[in-house]
Amino acid sequence: IIDLGRKLEPLAPEEMRDDALLDGCQSQVWLIADGDADRM
């Protein structure tokens, strides 16, 4: 699992903003969603 995490592409610093932080996580987790109903 740790090795898989190393495959994640890093987010740009400007994407690591408070409104992208998920609540309920012990660690900091930023989630960016793009797209529409056809493809997210």
Full PDB file with SEQRES, HELIX, SHEET, SSBOND, CRYST1, ORIGX, SCALE, CONECT and MASTER records, all heavy atoms in Angstrom:
SEQRES   1 A   40  ILE ILE ASP LEU GLY ARG LYS LEU GLU PRO LEU ALA PRO          
SEQRES   2 A   40  GLU GLU MET ARG ASP ASP ALA LEU LEU ASP GLY CYS GLN          
SEQRES   3 A   40  SER GLN VAL TRP LEU ILE ALA ASP GLY ASP ALA ASP ARG          
SEQRES   4 A   40  MET                                                          
HELIX    1 AA1 ILE A    2  GLY A    5  1                                   4    
HELIX    2 AA2 PRO A   13  GLU A   15  5                                   3    
HELIX    3 AA3 ASP A   18  ALA A   20  5                                   3    
CRYST1    1.000    1.000    1.000  90.00  90.00  90.00 P 1           1          
ORIGX1      1.000000  0.000000  0.000000        0.00000                         
ORIGX2      0.000000  1.000000  0.000000        0.00000                         
ORIGX3      0.000000  0.000000  1.000000        0.00000                         
SCALE1      1.000000  0.000000  0.000000        0.00000                         
SCALE2      0.000000  1.000000  0.000000        0.00000                         
SCALE3      0.000000  0.000000  1.000000        0.00000                         
ATOM      1  N   ILE A   1       0.836  -1.200   0.000  1.00  0.00           N  
ATOM      2  CA  ILE A   1       0.000   0.000   0.000  1.00  0.00           C  
ATOM      3  C   ILE A   1       0.874   1.254   0.000  1.00  0.00           C  
ATOM      4  O   ILE A   1       0.626   2.197  -0.752  1.00  0.00           O  
ATOM      5  CB  ILE A   1      -0.972  -0.007   1.203  1.00  0.00           C  
ATOM      6  CG1 ILE A   1      -2.006  -1.124   1.030  1.00  0.00           C  
ATOM      7  CG2 ILE A   1      -1.660   1.345   1.366  1.00  0.00           C  
ATOM      8  CD1 ILE A   1      -2.848  -1.408   2.259  1.00  0.00           C  
ATOM      9  N   ILE A   2       1.914   1.262   0.816  1.00  0.00           N  
ATOM     10  CA  ILE A   2       2.831   2.405   0.856  1.00  0.00           C  
ATOM     11  C   ILE A   2       3.504   2.592  -0.505  1.00  0.00           C  
ATOM     12  O   ILE A   2       3.609   3.714  -1.017  1.00  0.00           O  
ATOM     13  CB  ILE A   2       3.867   2.231   1.984  1.00  0.00           C  
ATOM     14  CG1 ILE A   2       3.169   2.381   3.343  1.00  0.00           C  
ATOM     15  CG2 ILE A   2       5.017   3.214   1.837  1.00  0.00           C  
ATOM     16  CD1 ILE A   2       4.009   1.950   4.532  1.00  0.00           C  
ATOM     17  N   ASP A   3       3.932   1.486  -1.117  1.00  0.00           N  
ATOM     18  CA  ASP A   3       4.559   1.558  -2.439  1.00  0.00           C  
ATOM     19  C   ASP A   3       3.594   2.111  -3.486  1.00  0.00           C  
ATOM     20  O   ASP A   3       3.992   2.901  -4.354  1.00  0.00           O  
ATOM     21  CB  ASP A   3       5.065   0.183  -2.874  1.00  0.00           C  
ATOM     22  CG  ASP A   3       6.244  -0.307  -2.043  1.00  0.00           C  
ATOM     23  OD1 ASP A   3       6.882   0.511  -1.343  1.00  0.00           O  
ATOM     24  OD2 ASP A   3       6.514  -1.525  -2.082  1.00  0.00           O  
ATOM     25  N   LEU A   4       2.334   1.717  -3.412  1.00  0.00           N  
ATOM     26  CA  LEU A   4       1.336   2.249  -4.346  1.00  0.00           C  
ATOM     27  C   LEU A   4       1.183   3.755  -4.179  1.00  0.00           C  
ATOM     28  O   LEU A   4       1.032   4.482  -5.160  1.00  0.00           O  
ATOM     29  CB  LEU A   4      -0.017   1.557  -4.139  1.00  0.00           C  
ATOM     30  CG  LEU A   4      -0.116   0.102  -4.554  1.00  0.00           C  
ATOM     31  CD1 LEU A   4      -1.483  -0.467  -4.171  1.00  0.00           C  
ATOM     32  CD2 LEU A   4       0.141  -0.066  -6.052  1.00  0.00           C  
ATOM     33  N   GLY A   5       1.228   4.213  -2.951  1.00  0.00           N  
ATOM     34  CA  GLY A   5       1.095   5.644  -2.689  1.00  0.00           C  
ATOM     35  C   GLY A   5       2.185   6.470  -3.341  1.00  0.00           C  
ATOM     36  O   GLY A   5       1.970   7.631  -3.699  1.00  0.00           O  
ATOM     37  N   ARG A   6       3.333   5.878  -3.536  1.00  0.00           N  
ATOM     38  CA  ARG A   6       4.442   6.592  -4.193  1.00  0.00           C  
ATOM     39  C   ARG A   6       4.160   6.840  -5.673  1.00  0.00           C  
ATOM     40  O   ARG A   6       4.830   7.641  -6.309  1.00  0.00           O  
ATOM     41  CB  ARG A   6       5.734   5.806  -4.025  1.00  0.00           C  
ATOM     42  CG  ARG A   6       6.209   5.774  -2.589  1.00  0.00           C  
ATOM     43  CD  ARG A   6       7.569   5.090  -2.473  1.00  0.00           C  
ATOM     44  NE  ARG A   6       7.965   5.057  -1.079  1.00  0.00           N  
ATOM     45  CZ  ARG A   6       8.183   3.952  -0.392  1.00  0.00           C  
ATOM     46  NH1 ARG A   6       8.060   2.770  -0.954  1.00  0.00           N  
ATOM     47  NH2 ARG A   6       8.539   4.010   0.876  1.00  0.00           N  
ATOM     48  N   LYS A   7       3.175   6.128  -6.223  1.00  0.00           N  
ATOM     49  CA  LYS A   7       2.819   6.309  -7.631  1.00  0.00           C  
ATOM     50  C   LYS A   7       1.895   7.505  -7.859  1.00  0.00           C  
ATOM     51  O   LYS A   7       1.672   7.893  -9.002  1.00  0.00           O  
ATOM     52  CB  LYS A   7       2.131   5.048  -8.164  1.00  0.00           C  
ATOM     53  CG  LYS A   7       3.014   3.833  -8.214  1.00  0.00           C  
ATOM     54  CD  LYS A   7       2.238   2.658  -8.777  1.00  0.00           C  
ATOM     55  CE  LYS A   7       3.077   1.405  -8.884  1.00  0.00           C  
ATOM     56  NZ  LYS A   7       2.325   0.316  -9.522  1.00  0.00           N  
ATOM     57  N   LEU A   8       1.339   8.051  -6.799  1.00  0.00           N  
ATOM     58  CA  LEU A   8       0.437   9.197  -6.947  1.00  0.00           C  
ATOM     59  C   LEU A   8       1.203  10.392  -7.491  1.00  0.00           C  
ATOM     60  O   LEU A   8       2.307  10.689  -7.041  1.00  0.00           O  
ATOM     61  CB  LEU A   8      -0.170   9.602  -5.601  1.00  0.00           C  
ATOM     62  CG  LEU A   8      -1.323   8.805  -5.065  1.00  0.00           C  
ATOM     63  CD1 LEU A   8      -1.744   9.364  -3.711  1.00  0.00           C  
ATOM     64  CD2 LEU A   8      -2.501   8.810  -6.020  1.00  0.00           C  
ATOM     65  N   GLU A   9       0.580  11.073  -8.429  1.00  0.00           N  
ATOM     66  CA  GLU A   9       1.187  12.310  -8.906  1.00  0.00           C  
ATOM     67  C   GLU A   9       0.948  13.386  -7.855  1.00  0.00           C  
ATOM     68  O   GLU A   9      -0.156  13.497  -7.320  1.00  0.00           O  
ATOM     69  CB  GLU A   9       0.573  12.707 -10.237  1.00  0.00           C  
ATOM     70  CG  GLU A   9       0.885  11.694 -11.314  1.00  0.00           C  
ATOM     71  CD  GLU A   9       0.882  12.294 -12.697  1.00  0.00           C  
ATOM     72  OE1 GLU A   9       0.959  13.525 -12.826  1.00  0.00           O  
ATOM     73  OE2 GLU A   9       0.812  11.503 -13.632  1.00  0.00           O  
ATOM     74  N   PRO A  10       1.976  14.163  -7.566  1.00  0.00           N  
ATOM     75  CA  PRO A  10       1.788  15.205  -6.544  1.00  0.00           C  
ATOM     76  C   PRO A  10       0.833  16.282  -7.032  1.00  0.00           C  
ATOM     77  O   PRO A  10       0.715  16.532  -8.233  1.00  0.00           O  
ATOM     78  CB  PRO A  10       3.203  15.760  -6.345  1.00  0.00           C  
ATOM     79  CG  PRO A  10       3.967  15.367  -7.555  1.00  0.00           C  
ATOM     80  CD  PRO A  10       3.322  14.139  -8.114  1.00  0.00           C  
ATOM     81  N   LEU A  11       0.141  16.869  -6.089  1.00  0.00           N  
ATOM     82  CA  LEU A  11      -0.705  18.012  -6.398  1.00  0.00           C  
ATOM     83  C   LEU A  11       0.169  19.262  -6.434  1.00  0.00           C  
ATOM     84  O   LEU A  11       1.179  19.341  -5.736  1.00  0.00           O  
ATOM     85  CB  LEU A  11      -1.797  18.176  -5.334  1.00  0.00           C  
ATOM     86  CG  LEU A  11      -2.807  17.042  -5.213  1.00  0.00           C  
ATOM     87  CD1 LEU A  11      -3.760  17.302  -4.052  1.00  0.00           C  
ATOM     88  CD2 LEU A  11      -3.581  16.855  -6.499  1.00  0.00           C  
ATOM     89  N   ALA A  12      -0.241  20.230  -7.228  1.00  0.00           N  
ATOM     90  CA  ALA A  12       0.457  21.509  -7.251  1.00  0.00           C  
ATOM     91  C   ALA A  12       0.212  22.213  -5.915  1.00  0.00           C  
ATOM     92  O   ALA A  12      -0.852  22.031  -5.306  1.00  0.00           O  
ATOM     93  CB  ALA A  12      -0.055  22.361  -8.402  1.00  0.00           C  
ATOM     94  N   PRO A  13       1.163  22.992  -5.452  1.00  0.00           N  
ATOM     95  CA  PRO A  13       0.977  23.688  -4.162  1.00  0.00           C  
ATOM     96  C   PRO A  13      -0.325  24.488  -4.083  1.00  0.00           C  
ATOM     97  O   PRO A  13      -0.972  24.508  -3.041  1.00  0.00           O  
ATOM     98  CB  PRO A  13       2.206  24.595  -4.076  1.00  0.00           C  
ATOM     99  CG  PRO A  13       3.241  23.927  -4.908  1.00  0.00           C  
ATOM    100  CD  PRO A  13       2.479  23.254  -6.026  1.00  0.00           C  
ATOM    101  N   GLU A  14      -0.722  25.103  -5.184  1.00  0.00           N  
ATOM    102  CA  GLU A  14      -1.958  25.903  -5.163  1.00  0.00           C  
ATOM    103  C   GLU A  14      -3.212  25.033  -5.050  1.00  0.00           C  
ATOM    104  O   GLU A  14      -4.291  25.530  -4.706  1.00  0.00           O  
ATOM    105  CB  GLU A  14      -2.043  26.843  -6.370  1.00  0.00           C  
ATOM    106  CG  GLU A  14      -2.066  26.154  -7.709  1.00  0.00           C  
ATOM    107  CD  GLU A  14      -0.671  25.911  -8.301  1.00  0.00           C  
ATOM    108  OE1 GLU A  14       0.351  26.085  -7.604  1.00  0.00           O  
ATOM    109  OE2 GLU A  14      -0.623  25.519  -9.481  1.00  0.00           O  
ATOM    110  N   GLU A  15      -3.093  23.745  -5.337  1.00  0.00           N  
ATOM    111  CA  GLU A  15      -4.235  22.840  -5.188  1.00  0.00           C  
ATOM    112  C   GLU A  15      -4.392  22.345  -3.751  1.00  0.00           C  
ATOM    113  O   GLU A  15      -5.452  21.850  -3.382  1.00  0.00           O  
ATOM    114  CB  GLU A  15      -4.072  21.624  -6.110  1.00  0.00           C  
ATOM    115  CG  GLU A  15      -4.153  21.969  -7.579  1.00  0.00           C  
ATOM    116  CD  GLU A  15      -3.904  20.774  -8.456  1.00  0.00           C  
ATOM    117  OE1 GLU A  15      -2.866  20.102  -8.288  1.00  0.00           O  
ATOM    118  OE2 GLU A  15      -4.766  20.499  -9.316  1.00  0.00           O  
ATOM    119  N   MET A  16      -3.353  22.498  -2.971  1.00  0.00           N  
ATOM    120  CA  MET A  16      -3.391  22.019  -1.587  1.00  0.00           C  
ATOM    121  C   MET A  16      -3.922  23.140  -0.692  1.00  0.00           C  
ATOM    122  O   MET A  16      -3.251  23.641   0.189  1.00  0.00           O  
ATOM    123  CB  MET A  16      -1.995  21.545  -1.179  1.00  0.00           C  
ATOM    124  CG  MET A  16      -1.538  20.370  -2.034  1.00  0.00           C  
ATOM    125  SD  MET A  16       0.193  19.961  -1.887  1.00  0.00           S  
ATOM    126  CE  MET A  16       0.198  19.119  -0.318  1.00  0.00           C  
ATOM    127  N   ARG A  17      -5.170  23.470  -0.954  1.00  0.00           N  
ATOM    128  CA  ARG A  17      -5.823  24.571  -0.247  1.00  0.00           C  
ATOM    129  C   ARG A  17      -6.858  24.014   0.729  1.00  0.00           C  
ATOM    130  O   ARG A  17      -7.258  22.853   0.626  1.00  0.00           O  
ATOM    131  CB  ARG A  17      -6.441  25.539  -1.244  1.00  0.00           C  
ATOM    132  CG  ARG A  17      -7.398  24.892  -2.199  1.00  0.00           C  
ATOM    133  CD  ARG A  17      -7.855  25.816  -3.336  1.00  0.00           C  
ATOM    134  NE  ARG A  17      -8.945  25.211  -4.051  1.00  0.00           N  
ATOM    135  CZ  ARG A  17      -8.809  24.369  -5.054  1.00  0.00           C  
ATOM    136  NH1 ARG A  17      -7.615  24.047  -5.504  1.00  0.00           N  
ATOM    137  NH2 ARG A  17      -9.877  23.838  -5.636  1.00  0.00           N  
ATOM    138  N   ASP A  18      -7.289  24.871   1.632  1.00  0.00           N  
ATOM    139  CA  ASP A  18      -8.197  24.426   2.688  1.00  0.00           C  
ATOM    140  C   ASP A  18      -9.506  23.854   2.161  1.00  0.00           C  
ATOM    141  O   ASP A  18     -10.024  22.884   2.713  1.00  0.00           O  
ATOM    142  CB  ASP A  18      -8.490  25.580   3.658  1.00  0.00           C  
ATOM    143  CG  ASP A  18      -7.289  25.916   4.520  1.00  0.00           C  
ATOM    144  OD1 ASP A  18      -6.332  25.118   4.568  1.00  0.00           O  
ATOM    145  OD2 ASP A  18      -7.301  26.992   5.155  1.00  0.00           O  
ATOM    146  N   ASP A  19     -10.053  24.428   1.093  1.00  0.00           N  
ATOM    147  CA  ASP A  19     -11.336  23.928   0.597  1.00  0.00           C  
ATOM    148  C   ASP A  19     -11.214  22.567  -0.094  1.00  0.00           C  
ATOM    149  O   ASP A  19     -12.219  21.929  -0.383  1.00  0.00           O  
ATOM    150  CB  ASP A  19     -12.021  24.952  -0.310  1.00  0.00           C  
ATOM    151  CG  ASP A  19     -11.272  25.197  -1.606  1.00  0.00           C  
ATOM    152  OD1 ASP A  19     -10.040  25.006  -1.652  1.00  0.00           O  
ATOM    153  OD2 ASP A  19     -11.928  25.599  -2.590  1.00  0.00           O  
ATOM    154  N   ALA A  20      -9.994  22.109  -0.344  1.00  0.00           N  
ATOM    155  CA  ALA A  20      -9.786  20.783  -0.919  1.00  0.00           C  
ATOM    156  C   ALA A  20      -9.457  19.745   0.156  1.00  0.00           C  
ATOM    157  O   ALA A  20      -9.380  18.551  -0.139  1.00  0.00           O  
ATOM    158  CB  ALA A  20      -8.665  20.826  -1.957  1.00  0.00           C  
ATOM    159  N   LEU A  21      -9.267  20.185   1.402  1.00  0.00           N  
ATOM    160  CA  LEU A  21      -8.974  19.264   2.504  1.00  0.00           C  
ATOM    161  C   LEU A  21     -10.226  18.497   2.907  1.00  0.00           C  
ATOM    162  O   LEU A  21     -11.303  19.079   3.028  1.00  0.00           O  
ATOM    163  CB  LEU A  21      -8.475  20.039   3.726  1.00  0.00           C  
ATOM    164  CG  LEU A  21      -6.981  20.249   3.867  1.00  0.00           C  
ATOM    165  CD1 LEU A  21      -6.690  21.146   5.064  1.00  0.00           C  
ATOM    166  CD2 LEU A  21      -6.227  18.951   3.983  1.00  0.00           C  
ATOM    167  N   LEU A  22     -10.070  17.208   3.123  1.00  0.00           N  
ATOM    168  CA  LEU A  22     -11.204  16.397   3.559  1.00  0.00           C  
ATOM    169  C   LEU A  22     -11.322  16.417   5.076  1.00  0.00           C  
ATOM    170  O   LEU A  22     -10.321  16.308   5.783  1.00  0.00           O  
ATOM    171  CB  LEU A  22     -11.034  14.953   3.098  1.00  0.00           C  
ATOM    172  CG  LEU A  22     -11.092  14.694   1.609  1.00  0.00           C  
ATOM    173  CD1 LEU A  22     -10.979  13.193   1.340  1.00  0.00           C  
ATOM    174  CD2 LEU A  22     -12.375  15.226   1.006  1.00  0.00           C  
ATOM    175  N   ASP A  23     -12.535  16.507   5.544  1.00  0.00           N  
ATOM    176  CA  ASP A  23     -12.812  16.387   6.976  1.00  0.00           C  
ATOM    177  C   ASP A  23     -12.830  14.917   7.344  1.00  0.00           C  
ATOM    178  O   ASP A  23     -13.153  14.047   6.529  1.00  0.00           O  
ATOM    179  CB  ASP A  23     -14.181  16.991   7.320  1.00  0.00           C  
ATOM    180  CG  ASP A  23     -14.190  18.495   7.174  1.00  0.00           C  
ATOM    181  OD1 ASP A  23     -13.138  19.122   7.379  1.00  0.00           O  
ATOM    182  OD2 ASP A  23     -15.262  19.043   6.864  1.00  0.00           O  
ATOM    183  N   GLY A  24     -12.507  14.621   8.591  1.00  0.00           N  
ATOM    184  CA  GLY A  24     -12.614  13.262   9.091  1.00  0.00           C  
ATOM    185  C   GLY A  24     -11.377  12.415   8.901  1.00  0.00           C  
ATOM    186  O   GLY A  24     -11.371  11.235   9.229  1.00  0.00           O  
ATOM    187  N   CYS A  25     -10.321  13.001   8.355  1.00  0.00           N  
ATOM    188  CA  CYS A  25      -9.086  12.253   8.149  1.00  0.00           C  
ATOM    189  C   CYS A  25      -8.062  12.671   9.198  1.00  0.00           C  
ATOM    190  O   CYS A  25      -7.905  13.858   9.474  1.00  0.00           O  
ATOM    191  CB  CYS A  25      -8.514  12.520   6.753  1.00  0.00           C  
ATOM    192  SG  CYS A  25      -9.586  11.956   5.419  1.00  0.00           S  
ATOM    193  N   GLN A  26      -7.385  11.701   9.757  1.00  0.00           N  
ATOM    194  CA  GLN A  26      -6.333  11.984  10.732  1.00  0.00           C  
ATOM    195  C   GLN A  26      -5.187  12.725  10.055  1.00  0.00           C  
ATOM    196  O   GLN A  26      -4.637  13.668  10.600  1.00  0.00           O  
ATOM    197  CB  GLN A  26      -5.822  10.675  11.334  1.00  0.00           C  
ATOM    198  CG  GLN A  26      -4.658  10.837  12.284  1.00  0.00           C  
ATOM    199  CD  GLN A  26      -4.139   9.493  12.789  1.00  0.00           C  
ATOM    200  OE1 GLN A  26      -4.557   8.442  12.336  1.00  0.00           O  
ATOM    201  NE2 GLN A  26      -3.233   9.540  13.728  1.00  0.00           N  
ATOM    202  N   SER A  27      -4.835  12.307   8.866  1.00  0.00           N  
ATOM    203  CA  SER A  27      -3.801  12.957   8.081  1.00  0.00           C  
ATOM    204  C   SER A  27      -4.446  14.021   7.212  1.00  0.00           C  
ATOM    205  O   SER A  27      -5.664  14.051   7.051  1.00  0.00           O  
ATOM    206  CB  SER A  27      -3.117  11.937   7.170  1.00  0.00           C  
ATOM    207  OG  SER A  27      -2.662  10.845   7.903  1.00  0.00           O  
ATOM    208  N   GLN A  28      -3.615  14.843   6.631  1.00  0.00           N  
ATOM    209  CA  GLN A  28      -4.152  15.808   5.678  1.00  0.00           C  
ATOM    210  C   GLN A  28      -4.355  15.099   4.346  1.00  0.00           C  
ATOM    211  O   GLN A  28      -3.446  14.437   3.837  1.00  0.00           O  
ATOM    212  CB  GLN A  28      -3.210  16.986   5.517  1.00  0.00           C  
ATOM    213  CG  GLN A  28      -3.168  17.870   6.749  1.00  0.00           C  
ATOM    214  CD  GLN A  28      -2.347  19.120   6.494  1.00  0.00           C  
ATOM    215  OE1 GLN A  28      -1.212  19.047   6.059  1.00  0.00           O  
ATOM    216  NE2 GLN A  28      -2.946  20.261   6.762  1.00  0.00           N  
ATOM    217  N   VAL A  29      -5.562  15.234   3.798  1.00  0.00           N  
ATOM    218  CA  VAL A  29      -5.900  14.664   2.502  1.00  0.00           C  
ATOM    219  C   VAL A  29      -6.577  15.741   1.679  1.00  0.00           C  
ATOM    220  O   VAL A  29      -7.571  16.320   2.110  1.00  0.00           O  
ATOM    221  CB  VAL A  29      -6.840  13.436   2.633  1.00  0.00           C  
ATOM    222  CG1 VAL A  29      -7.262  12.929   1.262  1.00  0.00           C  
ATOM    223  CG2 VAL A  29      -6.181  12.331   3.431  1.00  0.00           C  
ATOM    224  N   TRP A  30      -5.991  15.995   0.504  1.00  0.00           N  
ATOM    225  CA  TRP A  30      -6.566  16.947  -0.425  1.00  0.00           C  
ATOM    226  C   TRP A  30      -7.162  16.172  -1.571  1.00  0.00           C  
ATOM    227  O   TRP A  30      -6.543  15.268  -2.124  1.00  0.00           O  
ATOM    228  CB  TRP A  30      -5.495  17.893  -0.965  1.00  0.00           C  
ATOM    229  CG  TRP A  30      -4.881  18.755   0.070  1.00  0.00           C  
ATOM    230  CD1 TRP A  30      -5.300  20.000   0.467  1.00  0.00           C  
ATOM    231  CD2 TRP A  30      -3.714  18.471   0.857  1.00  0.00           C  
ATOM    232  NE1 TRP A  30      -4.469  20.491   1.447  1.00  0.00           N  
ATOM    233  CE2 TRP A  30      -3.482  19.579   1.705  1.00  0.00           C  
ATOM    234  CE3 TRP A  30      -2.842  17.384   0.936  1.00  0.00           C  
ATOM    235  CZ2 TRP A  30      -2.435  19.622   2.608  1.00  0.00           C  
ATOM    236  CZ3 TRP A  30      -1.798  17.417   1.824  1.00  0.00           C  
ATOM    237  CH2 TRP A  30      -1.595  18.538   2.648  1.00  0.00           C  
ATOM    238  N   LEU A  31      -8.400  16.542  -1.953  1.00  0.00           N  
ATOM    239  CA  LEU A  31      -9.104  15.873  -3.046  1.00  0.00           C  
ATOM    240  C   LEU A  31      -9.548  16.922  -4.052  1.00  0.00           C  
ATOM    241  O   LEU A  31     -10.224  17.889  -3.686  1.00  0.00           O  
ATOM    242  CB  LEU A  31     -10.317  15.104  -2.514  1.00  0.00           C  
ATOM    243  CG  LEU A  31     -11.195  14.421  -3.565  1.00  0.00           C  
ATOM    244  CD1 LEU A  31     -10.449  13.261  -4.222  1.00  0.00           C  
ATOM    245  CD2 LEU A  31     -12.498  13.939  -2.948  1.00  0.00           C  
ATOM    246  N   ILE A  32      -9.171  16.714  -5.306  1.00  0.00           N  
ATOM    247  CA  ILE A  32      -9.559  17.594  -6.400  1.00  0.00           C  
ATOM    248  C   ILE A  32     -10.452  16.792  -7.334  1.00  0.00           C  
ATOM    249  O   ILE A  32     -10.073  15.706  -7.787  1.00  0.00           O  
ATOM    250  CB  ILE A  32      -8.311  18.102  -7.185  1.00  0.00           C  
ATOM    251  CG1 ILE A  32      -7.280  18.723  -6.252  1.00  0.00           C  
ATOM    252  CG2 ILE A  32      -8.725  19.035  -8.312  1.00  0.00           C  
ATOM    253  CD1 ILE A  32      -7.714  19.970  -5.541  1.00  0.00           C  
ATOM    254  N   ALA A  33     -11.639  17.320  -7.618  1.00  0.00           N  
ATOM    255  CA  ALA A  33     -12.586  16.652  -8.513  1.00  0.00           C  
ATOM    256  C   ALA A  33     -12.792  17.519  -9.754  1.00  0.00           C  
ATOM    257  O   ALA A  33     -12.974  18.730  -9.645  1.00  0.00           O  
ATOM    258  CB  ALA A  33     -13.918  16.433  -7.798  1.00  0.00           C  
ATOM    259  N   ASP A  34     -12.746  16.891 -10.914  1.00  0.00           N  
ATOM    260  CA  ASP A  34     -12.984  17.572 -12.187  1.00  0.00           C  
ATOM    261  C   ASP A  34     -13.913  16.717 -13.028  1.00  0.00           C  
ATOM    262  O   ASP A  34     -14.053  15.517 -12.797  1.00  0.00           O  
ATOM    263  CB  ASP A  34     -11.661  17.755 -12.953  1.00  0.00           C  
ATOM    264  CG  ASP A  34     -10.726  18.744 -12.288  1.00  0.00           C  
ATOM    265  OD1 ASP A  34     -11.173  19.847 -11.941  1.00  0.00           O  
ATOM    266  OD2 ASP A  34      -9.543  18.388 -12.109  1.00  0.00           O  
ATOM    267  N   GLY A  35     -14.514  17.348 -14.026  1.00  0.00           N  
ATOM    268  CA  GLY A  35     -15.336  16.609 -14.968  1.00  0.00           C  
ATOM    269  C   GLY A  35     -16.809  16.860 -14.784  1.00  0.00           C  
ATOM    270  O   GLY A  35     -17.230  17.788 -14.089  1.00  0.00           O  
ATOM    271  N   ASP A  36     -17.583  16.011 -15.428  1.00  0.00           N  
ATOM    272  CA  ASP A  36     -19.037  16.123 -15.363  1.00  0.00           C  
ATOM    273  C   ASP A  36     -19.620  14.725 -15.185  1.00  0.00           C  
ATOM    274  O   ASP A  36     -18.885  13.765 -14.951  1.00  0.00           O  
ATOM    275  CB  ASP A  36     -19.581  16.818 -16.626  1.00  0.00           C  
ATOM    276  CG  ASP A  36     -19.176  16.104 -17.913  1.00  0.00           C  
ATOM    277  OD1 ASP A  36     -18.925  14.878 -17.881  1.00  0.00           O  
ATOM    278  OD2 ASP A  36     -19.116  16.770 -18.958  1.00  0.00           O  
ATOM    279  N   ALA A  37     -20.926  14.617 -15.320  1.00  0.00           N  
ATOM    280  CA  ALA A  37     -21.596  13.340 -15.064  1.00  0.00           C  
ATOM    281  C   ALA A  37     -21.114  12.227 -15.996  1.00  0.00           C  
ATOM    282  O   ALA A  37     -21.150  11.057 -15.631  1.00  0.00           O  
ATOM    283  CB  ALA A  37     -23.109  13.505 -15.178  1.00  0.00           C  
ATOM    284  N   ASP A  38     -20.643  12.581 -17.179  1.00  0.00           N  
ATOM    285  CA  ASP A  38     -20.188  11.565 -18.125  1.00  0.00           C  
ATOM    286  C   ASP A  38     -18.834  10.973 -17.744  1.00  0.00           C  
ATOM    287  O   ASP A  38     -18.579   9.799 -18.000  1.00  0.00           O  
ATOM    288  CB  ASP A  38     -20.093  12.153 -19.534  1.00  0.00           C  
ATOM    289  CG  ASP A  38     -21.461  12.482 -20.097  1.00  0.00           C  
ATOM    290  OD1 ASP A  38     -22.444  11.819 -19.718  1.00  0.00           O  
ATOM    291  OD2 ASP A  38     -21.543  13.425 -20.911  1.00  0.00           O  
ATOM    292  N   ARG A  39     -17.973  11.804 -17.164  1.00  0.00           N  
ATOM    293  CA  ARG A  39     -16.640  11.331 -16.772  1.00  0.00           C  
ATOM    294  C   ARG A  39     -16.088  12.245 -15.690  1.00  0.00           C  
ATOM    295  O   ARG A  39     -15.932  13.441 -15.904  1.00  0.00           O  
ATOM    296  CB  ARG A  39     -15.702  11.328 -17.969  1.00  0.00           C  
ATOM    297  CG  ARG A  39     -14.316  10.781 -17.634  1.00  0.00           C  
ATOM    298  CD  ARG A  39     -13.427  10.766 -18.871  1.00  0.00           C  
ATOM    299  NE  ARG A  39     -12.063  10.434 -18.534  1.00  0.00           N  
ATOM    300  CZ  ARG A  39     -11.553   9.206 -18.537  1.00  0.00           C  
ATOM    301  NH1 ARG A  39     -12.316   8.185 -18.866  1.00  0.00           N  
ATOM    302  NH2 ARG A  39     -10.291   8.985 -18.225  1.00  0.00           N  
ATOM    303  N   MET A  40     -15.804  11.642 -14.561  1.00  0.00           N  
ATOM    304  CA  MET A  40     -15.250  12.395 -13.442  1.00  0.00           C  
ATOM    305  C   MET A  40     -13.810  11.942 -13.203  1.00  0.00           C  
ATOM    306  O   MET A  40     -13.517  10.755 -13.230  1.00  0.00           O  
ATOM    307  CB  MET A  40     -16.087  12.181 -12.187  1.00  0.00           C  
ATOM    308  CG  MET A  40     -17.533  12.617 -12.384  1.00  0.00           C  
ATOM    309  SD  MET A  40     -18.385  12.832 -10.833  1.00  0.00           S  
ATOM    310  CE  MET A  40     -17.576  14.322 -10.246  1.00  0.00           C  
TER     311      MET A  40                                                      
MASTER        0    0    0    3    0    0    0    6  310    1    0    4          
END                                                                             
